[in-house]
C-alpha atoms as a PDB file:
ATOM      1  CA  MET A   1       0.076  -0.272  -0.058  1.00  0.00           C
ATOM      2  CA  ALA A   2       1.738   3.184  -1.332  1.00  0.00           C
ATOM      3  CA  ALA A   3       0.275   5.269   2.319  1.00  0.00           C
ATOM      4  CA  HIS A   4       2.730   7.714   1.442  1.00  0.00           C
ATOM      5  CA  SER A   5       1.161   8.970  -1.642  1.00  0.00           C
ATOM      6  CA  LEU A   6      -2.212   9.082  -0.259  1.00  0.00           C
ATOM      7  CA  SER A   7      -4.087  12.432   1.884  1.00  0.00           C
ATOM      8  CA  PRO A   8      -5.297  10.624   5.334  1.00  0.00           C
ATOM      9  CA  ARG A   9      -8.886  11.048   4.708  1.00  0.00           C
ATOM     10  CA  ALA A  10      -8.180   8.656   1.145  1.00  0.00           C
ATOM     11  CA  LEU A  11      -5.742   6.426   3.507  1.00  0.00           C
ATOM     12  CA  TYR A  12      -8.471   5.661   6.300  1.00  0.00           C
ATOM     13  CA  GLU A  13     -11.012   5.261   3.638  1.00  0.00           C
ATOM     14  CA  GLU A  14      -8.947   2.463   1.411  1.00  0.00           C
ATOM     15  CA  VAL A  15      -8.015   0.605   5.147  1.00  0.00           C
ATOM     16  CA  ALA A  16     -12.068   0.510   5.404  1.00  0.00           C
ATOM     17  CA  GLU A  17     -12.897  -0.843   2.221  1.00  0.00           C
ATOM     18  CA  LEU A  18      -9.929  -3.363   2.678  1.00  0.00           C
ATOM     19  CA  LEU A  19     -11.525  -4.424   5.929  1.00  0.00           C
ATOM     20  CA  ARG A  20     -14.786  -4.361   4.628  1.00  0.00           C
ATOM     21  CA  GLN A  21     -13.880  -6.893   1.836  1.00  0.00           C
ATOM     22  CA  ARG A  22     -12.042  -9.104   4.422  1.00  0.00           C
ATOM     23  CA  ILE A  23     -15.296  -9.149   6.653  1.00  0.00           C
ATOM     24  CA  PHE A  24     -17.376  -9.918   3.701  1.00  0.00           C
ATOM     25  CA  SER A  25     -15.492 -12.813   2.317  1.00  0.00           C
ATOM     26  CA  ARG A  26     -15.072 -14.234   6.139  1.00  0.00           C
ATOM     27  CA  GLU A  27     -11.614 -13.948   6.159  1.00  0.00           C
ATOM     28  CA  LEU A  28     -12.701 -11.717   9.705  1.00  0.00           C
ATOM     29  CA  ALA A  29     -15.411 -14.065  10.900  1.00  0.00           C
ATOM     30  CA  PRO A  30     -18.272 -12.567  12.827  1.00  0.00           C
ATOM     31  CA  GLY A  31     -17.243 -12.485  16.414  1.00  0.00           C
ATOM     32  CA  SER A  32     -13.628 -12.090  15.556  1.00  0.00           C
ATOM     33  CA  TRP A  33     -11.195  -9.953  17.478  1.00  0.00           C
ATOM     34  CA  ILE A  34      -9.326  -7.283  14.949  1.00  0.00           C
ATOM     35  CA  ASP A  35      -6.259  -7.254  16.078  1.00  0.00           C
ATOM     36  CA  GLU A  36      -5.051  -3.423  15.222  1.00  0.00           C
ATOM     37  CA  LEU A  37      -1.291  -4.104  15.680  1.00  0.00           C
ATOM     38  CA  LYS A  38      -1.030  -6.805  13.307  1.00  0.00           C
ATOM     39  CA  ILE A  39      -3.053  -5.392  10.567  1.00  0.00           C
ATOM     40  CA  ALA A  40      -1.345  -2.190  11.328  1.00  0.00           C
ATOM     41  CA  GLU A  41       2.394  -4.080  10.823  1.00  0.00           C
ATOM     42  CA  ALA A  42       0.528  -5.490   7.515  1.00  0.00           C
ATOM     43  CA  TYR A  43      -0.609  -2.677   5.862  1.00  0.00           C
ATOM     44  CA  GLY A  44       2.629  -0.782   6.774  1.00  0.00           C
ATOM     45  CA  ILE A  45       0.589   2.100   8.534  1.00  0.00           C
ATOM     46  CA  SER A  46       0.254   3.897  11.848  1.00  0.00           C
ATOM     47  CA  ARG A  47      -2.646   2.985  14.010  1.00  0.00           C
ATOM     48  CA  THR A  48      -4.351   6.090  13.991  1.00  0.00           C
ATOM     49  CA  PRO A  49      -5.991   4.991  10.432  1.00  0.00           C
ATOM     50  CA  LEU A  50      -6.862   2.082  11.182  1.00  0.00           C
ATOM     51  CA  ARG A  51      -8.661   3.519  14.259  1.00  0.00           C
ATOM     52  CA  GLU A  52     -10.650   5.721  11.765  1.00  0.00           C
ATOM     53  CA  ALA A  53     -10.953   3.184   9.191  1.00  0.00           C
ATOM     54  CA  LEU A  54     -12.962   1.073  12.370  1.00  0.00           C
ATOM     55  CA  LYS A  55     -14.719   3.863  13.226  1.00  0.00           C
ATOM     56  CA  VAL A  56     -16.253   4.132   9.716  1.00  0.00           C
ATOM     57  CA  LEU A  57     -17.147   0.669   9.437  1.00  0.00           C
ATOM     58  CA  ALA A  58     -18.673   0.283  13.244  1.00  0.00           C
ATOM     59  CA  ALA A  59     -21.137   3.383  11.754  1.00  0.00           C
ATOM     60  CA  GLU A  60     -21.694   1.278   9.541  1.00  0.00           C
ATOM     61  CA  GLY A  61     -22.663  -1.971  11.888  1.00  0.00           C
ATOM     62  CA  LEU A  62     -19.995  -4.024  10.773  1.00  0.00           C
ATOM     63  CA  VAL A  63     -17.668  -3.856  13.378  1.00  0.00           C
ATOM     64  CA  THR A  64     -18.676  -3.741  17.115  1.00  0.00           C
ATOM     65  CA  MET A  65     -16.202  -1.522  19.321  1.00  0.00           C
ATOM     66  CA  LYS A  66     -16.663  -2.965  22.952  1.00  0.00           C
ATOM     67  CA  VAL A  67     -15.198  -1.116  25.954  1.00  0.00           C
ATOM     68  CA  ARG A  68     -11.344  -2.018  27.224  1.00  0.00           C
ATOM     69  CA  ARG A  69     -11.508  -4.900  24.629  1.00  0.00           C
ATOM     70  CA  GLY A  70     -11.204  -3.554  21.358  1.00  0.00           C
ATOM     71  CA  ALA A  71     -13.126  -3.954  17.826  1.00  0.00           C
ATOM     72  CA  TYR A  72     -14.628  -6.830  16.875  1.00  0.00           C
ATOM     73  CA  VAL A  73     -16.725  -8.302  13.639  1.00  0.00           C
ATOM     74  CA  THR A  74     -20.186  -7.762  14.317  1.00  0.00           C
ATOM     75  CA  GLU A  75     -22.267 -10.938  14.916  1.00  0.00           C
ATOM     76  CA  VAL A  76     -25.943 -10.763  13.382  1.00  0.00           C
ATOM     77  CA  SER A  77     -28.638 -12.083  15.715  1.00  0.00           C
ATOM     78  CA  GLU A  78     -31.751 -13.730  13.582  1.00  0.00           C
ATOM     79  CA  LYS A  79     -33.469 -10.728  15.228  1.00  0.00           C
ATOM     80  CA  ASP A  80     -31.438  -8.690  13.103  1.00  0.00           C
ATOM     81  CA  LEU A  81     -31.560 -10.147   9.795  1.00  0.00           C
ATOM     82  CA  ALA A  82     -35.277  -9.756  10.437  1.00  0.00           C
ATOM     83  CA  ASP A  83     -35.185  -6.223  11.377  1.00  0.00           C
ATOM     84  CA  VAL A  84     -32.899  -5.576   8.199  1.00  0.00           C
ATOM     85  CA  TYR A  85     -34.701  -7.607   5.821  1.00  0.00           C
ATOM     86  CA  HIS A  86     -37.990  -5.229   6.753  1.00  0.00           C
ATOM     87  CA  LEU A  87     -36.694  -2.249   6.526  1.00  0.00           C
ATOM     88  CA  LEU A  88     -35.014  -3.398   2.766  1.00  0.00           C
ATOM     89  CA  GLY A  89     -38.137  -4.471   1.957  1.00  0.00           C
ATOM     90  CA  LEU A  90     -39.943  -1.525   2.939  1.00  0.00           C
ATOM     91  CA  LEU A  91     -36.985   0.756   1.321  1.00  0.00           C
ATOM     92  CA  GLU A  92     -36.855  -1.465  -1.890  1.00  0.00           C
ATOM     93  CA  ALA A  93     -40.670  -1.398  -2.405  1.00  0.00           C
ATOM     94  CA  ASP A  94     -41.127   2.195  -2.324  1.00  0.00           C
ATOM     95  CA  ALA A  95     -38.170   2.479  -4.953  1.00  0.00           C
ATOM     96  CA  ALA A  96     -40.000  -0.076  -7.154  1.00  0.00           C
ATOM     97  CA  GLY A  97     -43.495   2.021  -6.804  1.00  0.00           C
ATOM     98  CA  VAL A  98     -41.591   4.887  -7.735  1.00  0.00           C
ATOM     99  CA  VAL A  99     -39.901   3.212 -10.973  1.00  0.00           C
ATOM    100  CA  ALA A 100     -42.992   1.609 -11.679  1.00  0.00           C
ATOM    101  CA  GLY A 101     -45.172   5.255 -11.649  1.00  0.00           C
ATOM    102  CA  SER A 102     -42.366   7.403 -13.397  1.00  0.00           C
ATOM    103  CA  ALA A 103     -39.252   5.688 -15.046  1.00  0.00           C
ATOM    104  CA  THR A 104     -38.742   6.476 -18.634  1.00  0.00           C
ATOM    105  CA  PRO A 105     -39.150   3.763 -21.107  1.00  0.00           C
ATOM    106  CA  ALA A 106     -35.221   3.635 -21.345  1.00  0.00           C
ATOM    107  CA  GLN A 107     -34.652   3.508 -17.842  1.00  0.00           C
ATOM    108  CA  ILE A 108     -37.328   0.129 -17.841  1.00  0.00           C
ATOM    109  CA  GLY A 109     -35.597  -0.862 -20.554  1.00  0.00           C
ATOM    110  CA  ALA A 110     -31.956  -0.623 -19.113  1.00  0.00           C
ATOM    111  CA  LEU A 111     -33.856  -3.017 -16.231  1.00  0.00           C
ATOM    112  CA  GLN A 112     -34.912  -5.382 -18.068  1.00  0.00           C
ATOM    113  CA  ALA A 113     -31.911  -5.883 -19.692  1.00  0.00           C
ATOM    114  CA  LEU A 114     -30.101  -6.248 -16.232  1.00  0.00           C
ATOM    115  CA  HIS A 115     -33.270  -8.500 -15.611  1.00  0.00           C
ATOM    116  CA  GLN A 116     -31.991 -10.542 -18.800  1.00  0.00           C
ATOM    117  CA  GLU A 117     -28.190 -11.594 -17.723  1.00  0.00           C
ATOM    118  CA  LEU A 118     -29.936 -12.302 -14.304  1.00  0.00           C
ATOM    119  CA  GLU A 119     -31.769 -14.886 -16.286  1.00  0.00           C
ATOM    120  CA  ALA A 120     -28.684 -16.056 -18.134  1.00  0.00           C
ATOM    121  CA  ALA A 121     -26.673 -16.223 -14.841  1.00  0.00           C
ATOM    122  CA  GLY A 122     -29.314 -18.631 -12.794  1.00  0.00           C
ATOM    123  CA  GLN A 123     -30.307 -21.062 -15.520  1.00  0.00           C
ATOM    124  CA  PRO A 124     -30.530 -24.693 -14.265  1.00  0.00           C
ATOM    125  CA  PRO A 125     -28.649 -27.109 -14.347  1.00  0.00           C
ATOM    126  CA  ALA A 126     -25.695 -25.114 -12.896  1.00  0.00           C
ATOM    127  CA  PRO A 127     -26.670 -21.528 -12.418  1.00  0.00           C
ATOM    128  CA  ASP A 128     -23.312 -19.248 -12.095  1.00  0.00           C
ATOM    129  CA  ARG A 129     -24.141 -18.351  -8.569  1.00  0.00           C
ATOM    130  CA  GLN A 130     -21.008 -15.496  -7.983  1.00  0.00           C
ATOM    131  CA  ARG A 131     -22.366 -14.084 -11.254  1.00  0.00           C
ATOM    132  CA  PHE A 132     -25.771 -14.639 -10.450  1.00  0.00           C
ATOM    133  CA  PHE A 133     -25.265 -12.730  -7.199  1.00  0.00           C
ATOM    134  CA  GLU A 134     -23.396  -9.633  -8.678  1.00  0.00           C
ATOM    135  CA  ILE A 135     -25.933  -9.145 -11.308  1.00  0.00           C
ATOM    136  CA  ASN A 136     -28.700  -9.385  -9.164  1.00  0.00           C
ATOM    137  CA  GLU A 137     -26.739  -6.628  -6.822  1.00  0.00           C
ATOM    138  CA  SER A 138     -26.565  -4.572  -9.484  1.00  0.00           C
ATOM    139  CA  PHE A 139     -30.326  -4.679 -10.260  1.00  0.00           C
ATOM    140  CA  HIS A 140     -31.375  -3.727  -6.945  1.00  0.00           C
ATOM    141  CA  MET A 141     -28.370  -1.006  -7.037  1.00  0.00           C
ATOM    142  CA  LEU A 142     -30.155   0.191 -10.805  1.00  0.00           C
ATOM    143  CA  LEU A 143     -33.523   0.380  -9.478  1.00  0.00           C
ATOM    144  CA  LEU A 144     -32.618   2.508  -6.270  1.00  0.00           C
ATOM    145  CA  ALA A 145     -30.732   4.530  -8.718  1.00  0.00           C
ATOM    146  CA  THR A 146     -33.794   4.649 -11.358  1.00  0.00           C
ATOM    147  CA  ALA A 147     -36.137   6.116  -8.542  1.00  0.00           C
ATOM    148  CA  ASN A 148     -33.632   8.798  -7.540  1.00  0.00           C
ATOM    149  CA  ASN A 149     -33.707   9.485  -3.847  1.00  0.00           C
ATOM    150  CA  ARG A 150     -30.179   9.623  -2.564  1.00  0.00           C
ATOM    151  CA  TRP A 151     -31.307   9.378   1.562  1.00  0.00           C
ATOM    152  CA  ARG A 152     -33.091   6.242   0.473  1.00  0.00           C
ATOM    153  CA  ASP A 153     -29.871   5.009  -1.310  1.00  0.00           C
ATOM    154  CA  GLN A 154     -27.114   5.550   1.790  1.00  0.00           C
ATOM    155  CA  MET A 155     -29.957   4.139   4.102  1.00  0.00           C
ATOM    156  CA  VAL A 156     -30.080   0.603   1.652  1.00  0.00           C
ATOM    157  CA  GLY A 157     -26.745   0.767   1.546  1.00  0.00           C
ATOM    158  CA  ASP A 158     -26.127   0.604   5.010  1.00  0.00           C
ATOM    159  CA  LEU A 159     -28.237  -1.948   5.554  1.00  0.00           C
ATOM    160  CA  ARG A 160     -27.019  -4.402   2.811  1.00  0.00           C
ATOM    161  CA  LYS A 161     -23.833  -4.228   4.185  1.00  0.00           C
ATOM    162  CA  VAL A 162     -25.303  -5.444   7.498  1.00  0.00           C
ATOM    163  CA  MET A 163     -27.127  -8.333   5.738  1.00  0.00           C
ATOM    164  CA  LYS A 164     -24.246  -9.379   3.839  1.00  0.00           C
ATOM    165  CA  LEU A 165     -22.615 -10.299   7.583  1.00  0.00           C
ATOM    166  CA  ASN A 166     -24.713 -12.859   7.358  1.00  0.00           C
ATOM    167  CA  ARG A 167     -23.116 -16.314   7.183  1.00  0.00           C
ATOM    168  CA  HIS A 168     -25.771 -18.251   5.241  1.00  0.00           C
ATOM    169  CA  ASN A 169     -25.982 -16.058   2.123  1.00  0.00           C
ATOM    170  CA  SER A 170     -29.648 -16.793   0.812  1.00  0.00           C
ATOM    171  CA  LEU A 171     -29.206 -17.712  -2.343  1.00  0.00           C
ATOM    172  CA  LEU A 172     -27.379 -20.739  -1.912  1.00  0.00           C
ATOM    173  CA  LYS A 173     -29.846 -22.348  -0.540  1.00  0.00           C
ATOM    174  CA  SER A 174     -30.996 -25.404  -2.936  1.00  0.00           C
ATOM    175  CA  GLY A 175     -33.939 -23.757  -5.280  1.00  0.00           C
ATOM    176  CA  ARG A 176     -33.435 -20.266  -3.979  1.00  0.00           C
ATOM    177  CA  ILE A 177     -32.054 -19.085  -7.007  1.00  0.00           C
ATOM    178  CA  GLU A 178     -34.732 -20.182  -9.369  1.00  0.00           C
ATOM    179  CA  GLU A 179     -37.783 -18.466  -6.784  1.00  0.00           C
ATOM    180  CA  SER A 180     -35.552 -15.382  -6.634  1.00  0.00           C
ATOM    181  CA  LEU A 181     -35.797 -15.347 -10.837  1.00  0.00           C
ATOM    182  CA  ASN A 182     -39.690 -16.089 -10.726  1.00  0.00           C
ATOM    183  CA  GLU A 183     -39.714 -13.039  -8.225  1.00  0.00           C
ATOM    184  CA  HIS A 184     -37.742 -11.050  -9.953  1.00  0.00           C
ATOM    185  CA  ARG A 185     -39.683 -11.470 -13.492  1.00  0.00           C
ATOM    186  CA  ALA A 186     -42.982 -10.623 -11.347  1.00  0.00           C
ATOM    187  CA  LEU A 187     -41.614  -7.386 -10.451  1.00  0.00           C
ATOM    188  CA  MET A 188     -40.307  -6.587 -13.847  1.00  0.00           C
ATOM    189  CA  ALA A 189     -44.012  -7.632 -15.224  1.00  0.00           C
ATOM    190  CA  ALA A 190     -45.578  -5.016 -12.269  1.00  0.00           C
ATOM    191  CA  ILE A 191     -43.231  -2.318 -13.544  1.00  0.00           C
ATOM    192  CA  ALA A 192     -43.526  -2.854 -17.107  1.00  0.00           C
ATOM    193  CA  ALA A 193     -47.434  -2.626 -16.626  1.00  0.00           C
ATOM    194  CA  ARG A 194     -46.397   0.537 -14.726  1.00  0.00           C
ATOM    195  CA  ASP A 195     -48.476  -0.836 -11.766  1.00  0.00           C
ATOM    196  CA  ALA A 196     -46.512   1.087  -8.729  1.00  0.00           C
ATOM    197  CA  PRO A 197     -48.873  -1.074  -5.868  1.00  0.00           C
ATOM    198  CA  LEU A 198     -48.291  -4.453  -7.326  1.00  0.00           C
ATOM    199  CA  ALA A 199     -44.474  -3.509  -8.022  1.00  0.00           C
ATOM    200  CA  MET A 200     -43.951  -2.233  -4.119  1.00  0.00           C
ATOM    201  CA  GLN A 201     -46.081  -5.614  -2.908  1.00  0.00           C
ATOM    202  CA  ARG A 202     -43.924  -8.023  -5.391  1.00  0.00           C
ATOM    203  CA  MET A 203     -40.430  -6.446  -3.529  1.00  0.00           C
ATOM    204  CA  GLN A 204     -41.669  -6.916  -0.655  1.00  0.00           C
ATOM    205  CA  GLN A 205     -42.498 -10.452  -0.976  1.00  0.00           C
ATOM    206  CA  HIS A 206     -39.165 -11.070  -2.707  1.00  0.00           C
ATOM    207  CA  PHE A 207     -37.657  -9.919   0.620  1.00  0.00           C
ATOM    208  CA  LYS A 208     -39.886 -11.749   2.536  1.00  0.00           C
ATOM    209  CA  ASN A 209     -39.309 -15.040   0.710  1.00  0.00           C
ATOM    210  CA  GLY A 210     -35.043 -13.802   0.989  1.00  0.00           C
ATOM    211  CA  LEU A 211     -35.883 -13.783   4.489  1.00  0.00           C
ATOM    212  CA  GLU A 212     -37.133 -17.430   4.980  1.00  0.00           C
ATOM    213  CA  ALA A 213     -34.345 -18.746   2.838  1.00  0.00           C
ATOM    214  CA  ALA A 214     -31.416 -16.812   4.922  1.00  0.00           C
ATOM    215  CA  ASN A 215     -32.586 -18.385   8.131  1.00  0.00           C
END
């Protein structure tokens, strides 16, 4: 890491992103203690930018700071996961309603094109799970961007980071990819029909089903 070429702000943000990816990949497992000295030495930085990075991750809910014990990767309880899915369902359903009611034909076309990529990645008998995960997230992000509310985007972004802490990704469950595709098809049909209430209902159902698969 070329720490000397970065401003202090850029350095702690870069460190936060490195740690964030290690948490999402389970290299830093939920509940594990974060060894600040070891990480600072590995990255060739002082503990000051590392501690600033940990504050960022704590604000996102990815890290829990314990008095006189240091920083730990957050463990997500069943209630935490249920609360996160509930809020995501509400926020993304609202976005789906906005898109169904006001998106341009070109914007809906862009969503449909991404949905077709999702269809291709999810085809049995051997769906490309990693690509499906990536396109699925891209689809949700594009829908949010199309709805164009940066405050909602910020809240969803933080909630999705916590959702990624869940050890058992719902899409790994047998049959879940096919179910998720069916839900996306139903959502896209509602959006194409300009039926905002139905789009909202189908997005909420999508998250409800995702939570059931995650448990």
